[in-house]
Amino acid sequence: MMAWLKSGALCAACVFLLSGCGGDGRPRLVHTEGTVLLSGQPLEGATVAFQPIVEDEKAKYQRPSSGITDASGKFQLKTYEPGDGAPVGKYRVAIVKREVVGKLPDDFNSEMSESVNLTYKWITPREVSDPASSGLTAEITSSGLEPKTFELTAAATPEIEKTGPQRRANEP
């Protein structure tokens, strides 16, 4: 009987210690939603990327989370599966939306991007496209996301980016 109680206590301790992670070693995720506004209007189709701020280089968890905004500018973060959320912590944030100018070739695929001339119009300011330098930060707590809304200002004249052989031909 005593051996059973000891093993039961050991199992309970293991369950308690592992409760911060999923059974598969993943961290506990918090359902996280937010909104992106561009010049006061909801921004649809933007990618929102959250990169954990790692204060200890030996930290175990460093996986980014992301989401795509809907017609109302709302996004839900995904770390492993759609809408599963993100771990509690502080993050650097990037928000990206750009559109192809013109028509893509009928047989276009992402592997062709370096061999095909493409022109993009940046919808979001390009400076917020990299979490390392965007200046945007957020914190996820057990209660959710802070700030809940990211407000961006559109450039007076959208930036145009050229890729593919045309870009290389214009480089000095």
N, C-alpha and C. Protein backbone atom coordinates (compact mmCIF):
# COMPACT_ATOMS: atom_id res chain seq x y z
N MET A 1 0.83 -1.19 0.00
CA MET A 1 0.00 0.00 0.00
C MET A 1 0.88 1.26 0.00
N MET A 2 1.93 1.27 0.82
CA MET A 2 2.83 2.42 0.91
C MET A 2 3.52 2.68 -0.43
N ALA A 3 3.93 1.61 -1.13
CA ALA A 3 4.57 1.76 -2.43
C ALA A 3 3.60 2.39 -3.42
N TRP A 4 2.34 2.02 -3.38
CA TRP A 4 1.33 2.59 -4.27
C TRP A 4 1.16 4.07 -3.99
N LEU A 5 1.12 4.46 -2.71
CA LEU A 5 0.98 5.87 -2.36
C LEU A 5 2.18 6.67 -2.85
N LYS A 6 3.40 6.10 -2.70
CA LYS A 6 4.60 6.80 -3.17
C LYS A 6 4.58 6.98 -4.68
N SER A 7 4.20 5.92 -5.41
CA SER A 7 4.17 6.04 -6.87
C SER A 7 3.05 6.99 -7.30
N GLY A 8 1.94 6.99 -6.58
CA GLY A 8 0.86 7.93 -6.89
C GLY A 8 1.30 9.37 -6.67
N ALA A 9 2.02 9.60 -5.58
CA ALA A 9 2.53 10.94 -5.30
C ALA A 9 3.54 11.36 -6.36
N LEU A 10 4.38 10.41 -6.79
CA LEU A 10 5.37 10.70 -7.83
C LEU A 10 4.67 11.07 -9.14
N CYS A 11 3.64 10.31 -9.50
CA CYS A 11 2.88 10.62 -10.72
C CYS A 11 2.24 12.00 -10.63
N ALA A 12 1.65 12.31 -9.46
CA ALA A 12 1.02 13.61 -9.28
C ALA A 12 2.04 14.73 -9.41
N ALA A 13 3.23 14.52 -8.86
CA ALA A 13 4.29 15.53 -8.96
C ALA A 13 4.71 15.72 -10.41
N CYS A 14 4.83 14.61 -11.15
CA CYS A 14 5.21 14.72 -12.57
C CYS A 14 4.16 15.48 -13.36
N VAL A 15 2.89 15.18 -13.11
CA VAL A 15 1.81 15.89 -13.81
C VAL A 15 1.86 17.37 -13.49
N PHE A 16 2.09 17.71 -12.22
CA PHE A 16 2.17 19.10 -11.82
C PHE A 16 3.34 19.80 -12.52
N LEU A 17 4.50 19.17 -12.54
CA LEU A 17 5.67 19.78 -13.15
C LEU A 17 5.51 19.94 -14.66
N LEU A 18 4.84 19.02 -15.30
CA LEU A 18 4.66 19.08 -16.74
C LEU A 18 3.47 19.94 -17.16
N SER A 19 2.69 20.41 -16.20
CA SER A 19 1.48 21.16 -16.56
C SER A 19 1.78 22.46 -17.29
N GLY A 20 3.00 22.98 -17.19
CA GLY A 20 3.38 24.18 -17.92
C GLY A 20 3.64 23.91 -19.39
N CYS A 21 3.75 22.69 -19.77
CA CYS A 21 4.03 22.30 -21.15
C CYS A 21 2.96 21.35 -21.62
N GLY A 22 2.86 21.20 -22.92
CA GLY A 22 1.99 20.16 -23.44
C GLY A 22 2.68 18.83 -23.22
N GLY A 23 1.96 17.75 -23.39
CA GLY A 23 2.52 16.43 -23.21
C GLY A 23 3.64 16.16 -24.19
N ASP A 24 3.72 16.95 -25.23
CA ASP A 24 4.75 16.74 -26.26
C ASP A 24 5.94 17.67 -26.07
N GLY A 25 6.06 18.30 -24.89
CA GLY A 25 7.19 19.17 -24.61
C GLY A 25 7.01 20.60 -25.08
N ARG A 26 5.88 20.88 -25.70
CA ARG A 26 5.61 22.25 -26.16
C ARG A 26 5.19 23.11 -24.98
N PRO A 27 5.50 24.41 -25.04
CA PRO A 27 5.06 25.31 -23.96
C PRO A 27 3.55 25.50 -24.00
N ARG A 28 3.00 25.89 -22.87
CA ARG A 28 1.57 26.19 -22.81
C ARG A 28 1.30 27.44 -23.64
N LEU A 29 0.28 27.40 -24.47
CA LEU A 29 -0.05 28.53 -25.35
C LEU A 29 -1.28 29.25 -24.85
N VAL A 30 -1.31 30.56 -25.07
CA VAL A 30 -2.45 31.39 -24.71
C VAL A 30 -3.13 31.81 -26.00
N HIS A 31 -4.44 31.59 -26.12
CA HIS A 31 -5.17 32.05 -27.30
C HIS A 31 -4.96 33.56 -27.40
N THR A 32 -4.44 34.01 -28.54
CA THR A 32 -4.04 35.40 -28.69
C THR A 32 -4.64 35.99 -29.95
N GLU A 33 -5.40 37.08 -29.79
CA GLU A 33 -5.92 37.80 -30.94
C GLU A 33 -5.62 39.28 -30.79
N GLY A 34 -5.52 39.94 -31.93
CA GLY A 34 -5.27 41.37 -31.94
C GLY A 34 -5.82 41.97 -33.22
N THR A 35 -5.58 43.25 -33.41
CA THR A 35 -6.09 43.98 -34.57
C THR A 35 -5.00 44.86 -35.15
N VAL A 36 -4.99 44.99 -36.47
CA VAL A 36 -4.06 45.90 -37.15
C VAL A 36 -4.89 46.93 -37.90
N LEU A 37 -4.57 48.20 -37.66
CA LEU A 37 -5.20 49.30 -38.38
C LEU A 37 -4.13 50.02 -39.19
N LEU A 38 -4.49 50.43 -40.40
CA LEU A 38 -3.60 51.22 -41.24
C LEU A 38 -4.30 52.53 -41.52
N SER A 39 -3.74 53.62 -41.04
CA SER A 39 -4.35 54.95 -41.16
C SER A 39 -5.79 54.93 -40.66
N GLY A 40 -6.00 54.24 -39.53
CA GLY A 40 -7.31 54.21 -38.88
C GLY A 40 -8.29 53.20 -39.43
N GLN A 41 -7.93 52.50 -40.49
CA GLN A 41 -8.84 51.52 -41.12
C GLN A 41 -8.32 50.10 -40.90
N PRO A 42 -9.24 49.11 -40.75
CA PRO A 42 -8.78 47.71 -40.62
C PRO A 42 -7.95 47.30 -41.83
N LEU A 43 -6.88 46.57 -41.59
CA LEU A 43 -6.00 46.12 -42.67
C LEU A 43 -6.20 44.63 -42.88
N GLU A 44 -6.67 44.26 -44.06
CA GLU A 44 -6.90 42.85 -44.40
C GLU A 44 -5.69 42.27 -45.12
N GLY A 45 -5.37 41.01 -44.82
CA GLY A 45 -4.34 40.29 -45.56
C GLY A 45 -2.91 40.59 -45.17
N ALA A 46 -2.70 41.19 -44.00
CA ALA A 46 -1.33 41.46 -43.54
C ALA A 46 -0.84 40.28 -42.71
N THR A 47 0.44 39.98 -42.83
CA THR A 47 1.05 38.96 -41.98
C THR A 47 1.59 39.66 -40.74
N VAL A 48 1.24 39.13 -39.57
CA VAL A 48 1.71 39.65 -38.30
C VAL A 48 2.61 38.59 -37.69
N ALA A 49 3.89 38.93 -37.45
CA ALA A 49 4.85 37.96 -36.94
C ALA A 49 5.36 38.39 -35.57
N PHE A 50 5.36 37.45 -34.63
CA PHE A 50 5.83 37.68 -33.27
C PHE A 50 7.10 36.86 -33.05
N GLN A 51 8.20 37.53 -32.75
CA GLN A 51 9.48 36.88 -32.48
C GLN A 51 9.76 37.02 -30.99
N PRO A 52 9.91 35.91 -30.25
CA PRO A 52 10.17 36.02 -28.81
C PRO A 52 11.43 36.83 -28.51
N ILE A 53 11.35 37.66 -27.49
CA ILE A 53 12.52 38.38 -27.00
C ILE A 53 13.18 37.43 -26.00
N VAL A 54 14.35 36.95 -26.35
CA VAL A 54 15.05 35.97 -25.53
C VAL A 54 16.11 36.69 -24.71
N GLU A 55 15.90 36.70 -23.41
CA GLU A 55 16.85 37.39 -22.53
C GLU A 55 17.97 36.47 -22.09
N ASP A 56 17.72 35.17 -22.12
CA ASP A 56 18.73 34.17 -21.75
C ASP A 56 18.99 33.33 -22.99
N GLU A 57 20.19 33.41 -23.54
CA GLU A 57 20.49 32.70 -24.78
C GLU A 57 20.32 31.19 -24.66
N LYS A 58 20.26 30.68 -23.44
CA LYS A 58 20.06 29.26 -23.24
C LYS A 58 18.58 28.92 -23.11
N ALA A 59 17.70 29.92 -23.28
CA ALA A 59 16.27 29.68 -23.15
C ALA A 59 15.84 28.60 -24.14
N LYS A 60 14.99 27.74 -23.68
CA LYS A 60 14.57 26.58 -24.47
C LYS A 60 13.64 26.99 -25.62
N TYR A 61 12.73 27.91 -25.34
CA TYR A 61 11.71 28.24 -26.33
C TYR A 61 12.06 29.49 -27.11
N GLN A 62 12.14 29.38 -28.45
CA GLN A 62 12.44 30.54 -29.28
C GLN A 62 11.64 30.52 -30.57
N ARG A 63 10.58 29.74 -30.65
CA ARG A 63 9.80 29.60 -31.87
C ARG A 63 8.91 30.83 -32.09
N PRO A 64 8.90 31.40 -33.30
CA PRO A 64 8.03 32.55 -33.58
C PRO A 64 6.57 32.11 -33.75
N SER A 65 5.68 33.08 -33.68
CA SER A 65 4.25 32.86 -33.90
C SER A 65 3.79 33.87 -34.93
N SER A 66 2.71 33.56 -35.65
CA SER A 66 2.24 34.49 -36.68
C SER A 66 0.75 34.34 -36.91
N GLY A 67 0.21 35.32 -37.62
CA GLY A 67 -1.20 35.30 -38.01
C GLY A 67 -1.41 36.16 -39.23
N ILE A 68 -2.58 36.04 -39.84
CA ILE A 68 -2.96 36.84 -41.01
C ILE A 68 -4.23 37.60 -40.64
N THR A 69 -4.26 38.89 -40.97
CA THR A 69 -5.44 39.69 -40.64
C THR A 69 -6.61 39.40 -41.58
N ASP A 70 -7.82 39.47 -41.00
CA ASP A 70 -9.04 39.28 -41.80
C ASP A 70 -9.58 40.65 -42.22
N ALA A 71 -10.78 40.67 -42.79
CA ALA A 71 -11.36 41.92 -43.31
C ALA A 71 -11.55 42.98 -42.23
N SER A 72 -11.67 42.56 -40.98
CA SER A 72 -11.84 43.54 -39.90
C SER A 72 -10.49 43.88 -39.23
N GLY A 73 -9.38 43.42 -39.84
CA GLY A 73 -8.05 43.71 -39.31
C GLY A 73 -7.65 42.81 -38.16
N LYS A 74 -8.48 41.84 -37.83
CA LYS A 74 -8.20 40.95 -36.68
C LYS A 74 -7.33 39.77 -37.11
N PHE A 75 -6.47 39.34 -36.19
CA PHE A 75 -5.63 38.17 -36.41
C PHE A 75 -5.64 37.30 -35.16
N GLN A 76 -5.40 36.02 -35.35
CA GLN A 76 -5.19 35.07 -34.27
C GLN A 76 -3.82 34.46 -34.48
N LEU A 77 -3.03 34.43 -33.41
CA LEU A 77 -1.68 33.88 -33.55
C LEU A 77 -1.69 32.37 -33.62
N LYS A 78 -0.74 31.87 -34.41
CA LYS A 78 -0.51 30.44 -34.61
C LYS A 78 0.95 30.17 -34.29
N THR A 79 1.19 29.17 -33.44
CA THR A 79 2.56 28.75 -33.18
C THR A 79 2.81 27.38 -33.82
N TYR A 80 1.87 26.47 -33.64
CA TYR A 80 1.99 25.13 -34.22
C TYR A 80 0.84 24.84 -35.19
N GLU A 81 -0.37 25.25 -34.80
CA GLU A 81 -1.56 24.98 -35.59
C GLU A 81 -2.41 26.25 -35.65
N PRO A 82 -3.24 26.40 -36.67
CA PRO A 82 -4.04 27.63 -36.79
C PRO A 82 -4.81 27.98 -35.52
N GLY A 83 -4.59 29.23 -35.05
CA GLY A 83 -5.33 29.75 -33.91
C GLY A 83 -4.95 29.19 -32.56
N ASP A 84 -3.85 28.42 -32.45
CA ASP A 84 -3.52 27.80 -31.16
C ASP A 84 -2.92 28.79 -30.17
N GLY A 85 -2.46 29.97 -30.62
CA GLY A 85 -1.95 30.98 -29.71
C GLY A 85 -0.44 31.03 -29.66
N ALA A 86 0.06 31.59 -28.55
CA ALA A 86 1.50 31.76 -28.36
C ALA A 86 1.80 31.68 -26.87
N PRO A 87 3.05 31.37 -26.50
CA PRO A 87 3.42 31.32 -25.09
C PRO A 87 3.44 32.70 -24.45
N VAL A 88 3.28 32.73 -23.15
CA VAL A 88 3.41 33.96 -22.37
C VAL A 88 4.83 34.49 -22.57
N GLY A 89 4.96 35.80 -22.76
CA GLY A 89 6.28 36.39 -22.90
C GLY A 89 6.25 37.70 -23.64
N LYS A 90 7.43 38.27 -23.84
CA LYS A 90 7.58 39.53 -24.57
C LYS A 90 8.07 39.22 -25.98
N TYR A 91 7.61 40.03 -26.94
CA TYR A 91 7.87 39.77 -28.35
C TYR A 91 8.22 41.04 -29.10
N ARG A 92 9.05 40.88 -30.13
CA ARG A 92 9.22 41.91 -31.16
C ARG A 92 8.22 41.55 -32.26
N VAL A 93 7.63 42.55 -32.88
CA VAL A 93 6.55 42.31 -33.84
C VAL A 93 6.89 42.92 -35.19
N ALA A 94 6.50 42.21 -36.25
CA ALA A 94 6.60 42.72 -37.62
C ALA A 94 5.22 42.60 -38.26
N ILE A 95 4.89 43.56 -39.10
CA ILE A 95 3.62 43.53 -39.84
C ILE A 95 3.95 43.82 -41.30
N VAL A 96 3.52 42.91 -42.19
CA VAL A 96 3.90 43.00 -43.60
C VAL A 96 2.69 42.80 -44.50
N LYS A 97 2.53 43.74 -45.42
CA LYS A 97 1.60 43.54 -46.53
C LYS A 97 2.15 44.27 -47.74
N ARG A 98 2.32 43.53 -48.81
CA ARG A 98 2.71 44.11 -50.08
C ARG A 98 1.93 43.37 -51.16
N GLU A 99 1.70 44.05 -52.27
CA GLU A 99 0.91 43.47 -53.36
C GLU A 99 1.72 43.49 -54.65
N VAL A 100 1.52 42.46 -55.45
CA VAL A 100 2.17 42.40 -56.77
C VAL A 100 1.50 43.44 -57.67
N VAL A 101 2.32 44.22 -58.36
CA VAL A 101 1.82 45.17 -59.34
C VAL A 101 1.82 44.45 -60.68
N GLY A 102 0.71 44.43 -61.35
CA GLY A 102 0.61 43.74 -62.64
C GLY A 102 0.13 42.31 -62.45
N LYS A 103 0.35 41.52 -63.48
CA LYS A 103 -0.15 40.14 -63.50
C LYS A 103 1.02 39.17 -63.41
N LEU A 104 0.85 38.14 -62.57
CA LEU A 104 1.85 37.08 -62.49
C LEU A 104 1.72 36.17 -63.70
N PRO A 105 2.83 35.56 -64.16
CA PRO A 105 2.73 34.57 -65.24
C PRO A 105 1.79 33.43 -64.81
N ASP A 106 1.05 32.86 -65.73
CA ASP A 106 0.09 31.80 -65.42
C ASP A 106 0.74 30.62 -64.71
N ASP A 107 1.99 30.31 -65.05
CA ASP A 107 2.67 29.16 -64.47
C ASP A 107 3.56 29.54 -63.27
N PHE A 108 3.35 30.72 -62.68
CA PHE A 108 4.21 31.22 -61.61
C PHE A 108 4.09 30.35 -60.35
N ASN A 109 5.24 30.09 -59.72
CA ASN A 109 5.29 29.50 -58.39
C ASN A 109 6.44 30.15 -57.63
N SER A 110 6.45 29.99 -56.32
CA SER A 110 7.42 30.70 -55.49
C SER A 110 8.87 30.35 -55.82
N GLU A 111 9.12 29.18 -56.39
CA GLU A 111 10.49 28.82 -56.75
C GLU A 111 11.01 29.64 -57.93
N MET A 112 10.11 30.29 -58.66
CA MET A 112 10.50 31.09 -59.82
C MET A 112 10.81 32.54 -59.45
N SER A 113 10.62 32.92 -58.20
CA SER A 113 10.67 34.34 -57.84
C SER A 113 11.97 35.04 -58.20
N GLU A 114 13.11 34.36 -58.19
CA GLU A 114 14.39 35.00 -58.54
C GLU A 114 14.57 35.12 -60.06
N SER A 115 13.87 34.31 -60.83
CA SER A 115 14.07 34.34 -62.28
C SER A 115 12.99 35.13 -63.01
N VAL A 116 11.98 35.61 -62.27
CA VAL A 116 10.88 36.36 -62.88
C VAL A 116 10.91 37.79 -62.34
N ASN A 117 10.75 38.76 -63.23
CA ASN A 117 10.67 40.15 -62.79
C ASN A 117 9.33 40.38 -62.10
N LEU A 118 9.40 40.82 -60.85
CA LEU A 118 8.19 41.15 -60.10
C LEU A 118 8.33 42.56 -59.55
N THR A 119 7.21 43.26 -59.50
CA THR A 119 7.17 44.58 -58.88
C THR A 119 6.11 44.52 -57.79
N TYR A 120 6.50 44.94 -56.60
CA TYR A 120 5.59 44.95 -55.45
C TYR A 120 5.33 46.38 -55.01
N LYS A 121 4.13 46.63 -54.53
CA LYS A 121 3.78 47.88 -53.88
C LYS A 121 3.60 47.56 -52.39
N TRP A 122 4.37 48.23 -51.55
CA TRP A 122 4.26 48.03 -50.10
C TRP A 122 3.01 48.73 -49.60
N ILE A 123 2.15 47.99 -48.92
CA ILE A 123 0.94 48.55 -48.32
C ILE A 123 1.26 49.04 -46.91
N THR A 124 1.96 48.21 -46.15
CA THR A 124 2.42 48.63 -44.82
C THR A 124 3.75 49.35 -44.97
N PRO A 125 4.11 50.20 -44.03
CA PRO A 125 5.43 50.82 -44.10
C PRO A 125 6.50 49.72 -44.05
N ARG A 126 7.46 49.79 -44.95
CA ARG A 126 8.48 48.74 -45.03
C ARG A 126 9.29 48.63 -43.74
N GLU A 127 9.43 49.73 -43.02
CA GLU A 127 10.25 49.70 -41.80
C GLU A 127 9.66 48.83 -40.69
N VAL A 128 8.39 48.43 -40.78
CA VAL A 128 7.83 47.54 -39.75
C VAL A 128 7.82 46.08 -40.21
N SER A 129 8.53 45.78 -41.31
CA SER A 129 8.52 44.42 -41.87
C SER A 129 9.51 43.47 -41.22
N ASP A 130 10.40 43.97 -40.37
CA ASP A 130 11.40 43.13 -39.72
C ASP A 130 11.25 43.29 -38.20
N PRO A 131 10.97 42.18 -37.48
CA PRO A 131 10.76 42.32 -36.04
C PRO A 131 11.99 42.87 -35.30
N ALA A 132 13.18 42.64 -35.82
CA ALA A 132 14.40 43.10 -35.15
C ALA A 132 14.52 44.62 -35.16
N SER A 133 13.93 45.28 -36.17
CA SER A 133 14.10 46.73 -36.29
C SER A 133 12.79 47.51 -36.40
N SER A 134 11.66 46.85 -36.29
CA SER A 134 10.37 47.52 -36.48
C SER A 134 10.03 48.52 -35.39
N GLY A 135 10.55 48.28 -34.19
CA GLY A 135 10.18 49.13 -33.05
C GLY A 135 8.86 48.72 -32.41
N LEU A 136 8.20 47.72 -32.98
CA LEU A 136 6.93 47.25 -32.44
C LEU A 136 7.20 46.11 -31.45
N THR A 137 6.59 46.20 -30.28
CA THR A 137 6.72 45.15 -29.28
C THR A 137 5.35 44.82 -28.71
N ALA A 138 5.26 43.66 -28.10
CA ALA A 138 4.01 43.23 -27.47
C ALA A 138 4.34 42.29 -26.33
N GLU A 139 3.37 42.10 -25.46
CA GLU A 139 3.51 41.13 -24.39
C GLU A 139 2.26 40.28 -24.35
N ILE A 140 2.48 38.97 -24.22
CA ILE A 140 1.37 38.03 -24.06
C ILE A 140 1.40 37.57 -22.61
N THR A 141 0.27 37.78 -21.93
CA THR A 141 0.11 37.32 -20.55
C THR A 141 -0.98 36.26 -20.54
N SER A 142 -1.24 35.69 -19.40
CA SER A 142 -2.31 34.69 -19.31
C SER A 142 -3.66 35.31 -19.64
N SER A 143 -3.76 36.64 -19.59
CA SER A 143 -5.01 37.34 -19.92
C SER A 143 -5.12 37.69 -21.40
N GLY A 144 -4.01 37.59 -22.15
CA GLY A 144 -4.06 37.91 -23.57
C GLY A 144 -2.96 38.84 -24.00
N LEU A 145 -3.22 39.59 -25.07
CA LEU A 145 -2.23 40.41 -25.75
C LEU A 145 -2.29 41.87 -25.30
N GLU A 146 -1.12 42.47 -25.15
CA GLU A 146 -1.02 43.91 -24.86
C GLU A 146 0.11 44.48 -25.69
N PRO A 147 -0.07 45.43 -26.56
CA PRO A 147 -1.36 46.06 -26.89
C PRO A 147 -2.21 45.15 -27.77
N LYS A 148 -3.50 45.34 -27.73
CA LYS A 148 -4.41 44.53 -28.53
C LYS A 148 -4.52 45.05 -29.97
N THR A 149 -4.16 46.33 -30.17
CA THR A 149 -4.26 46.94 -31.49
C THR A 149 -2.93 47.56 -31.88
N PHE A 150 -2.52 47.30 -33.13
CA PHE A 150 -1.33 47.92 -33.70
C PHE A 150 -1.83 48.91 -34.74
N GLU A 151 -1.49 50.19 -34.53
CA GLU A 151 -1.93 51.25 -35.44
C GLU A 151 -0.74 51.73 -36.27
N LEU A 152 -0.84 51.55 -37.58
CA LEU A 152 0.21 51.97 -38.50
C LEU A 152 -0.29 53.14 -39.33
N THR A 153 0.64 53.92 -39.86
CA THR A 153 0.29 55.02 -40.75
C THR A 153 0.84 54.71 -42.13
N ALA A 154 -0.03 54.78 -43.13
CA ALA A 154 0.39 54.50 -44.50
C ALA A 154 1.31 55.62 -45.00
N ALA A 155 2.26 55.24 -45.84
CA ALA A 155 3.15 56.23 -46.46
C ALA A 155 2.34 57.07 -47.44
N ALA A 156 2.70 58.34 -47.57
CA ALA A 156 2.01 59.22 -48.52
C ALA A 156 2.10 58.66 -49.94
N THR A 157 3.28 58.13 -50.28
CA THR A 157 3.48 57.47 -51.56
C THR A 157 4.00 56.06 -51.25
N PRO A 158 3.22 55.03 -51.62
CA PRO A 158 3.67 53.66 -51.32
C PRO A 158 5.02 53.35 -51.96
N GLU A 159 5.85 52.63 -51.23
CA GLU A 159 7.16 52.22 -51.74
C GLU A 159 6.98 51.10 -52.76
N ILE A 160 7.77 51.17 -53.82
CA ILE A 160 7.75 50.14 -54.88
C ILE A 160 9.05 49.35 -54.78
N GLU A 161 8.94 48.03 -54.87
CA GLU A 161 10.11 47.16 -54.82
C GLU A 161 10.13 46.27 -56.06
N LYS A 162 11.29 46.20 -56.70
CA LYS A 162 11.46 45.34 -57.87
C LYS A 162 12.36 44.18 -57.48
N THR A 163 11.99 43.00 -57.95
CA THR A 163 12.77 41.80 -57.67
C THR A 163 13.06 41.06 -58.97
N GLY A 164 13.91 40.05 -58.90
CA GLY A 164 14.24 39.25 -60.07
C GLY A 164 15.36 39.88 -60.87
N PRO A 165 15.53 39.45 -62.13
CA PRO A 165 16.63 39.94 -62.98
C PRO A 165 16.61 41.45 -63.17
N GLN A 166 15.43 42.09 -63.21
CA GLN A 166 15.38 43.55 -63.39
C GLN A 166 16.06 44.28 -62.23
N ARG A 167 15.94 43.76 -61.03
CA ARG A 167 16.57 44.38 -59.88
C ARG A 167 18.08 44.26 -59.99
N ARG A 168 18.56 43.08 -60.31
CA ARG A 168 20.00 42.87 -60.42
C ARG A 168 20.62 43.71 -61.54
N ALA A 169 19.88 43.93 -62.62
CA ALA A 169 20.40 44.72 -63.75
C ALA A 169 20.57 46.19 -63.35
N ASN A 170 19.79 46.66 -62.38
CA ASN A 170 19.86 48.06 -61.96
C ASN A 170 20.81 48.30 -60.80
N GLU A 171 21.42 47.24 -60.27
CA GLU A 171 22.36 47.42 -59.16
C GLU A 171 23.69 47.92 -59.68
N PRO A 172 24.35 48.80 -58.92
CA PRO A 172 25.66 49.32 -59.36
C PRO A 172 26.74 48.26 -59.32
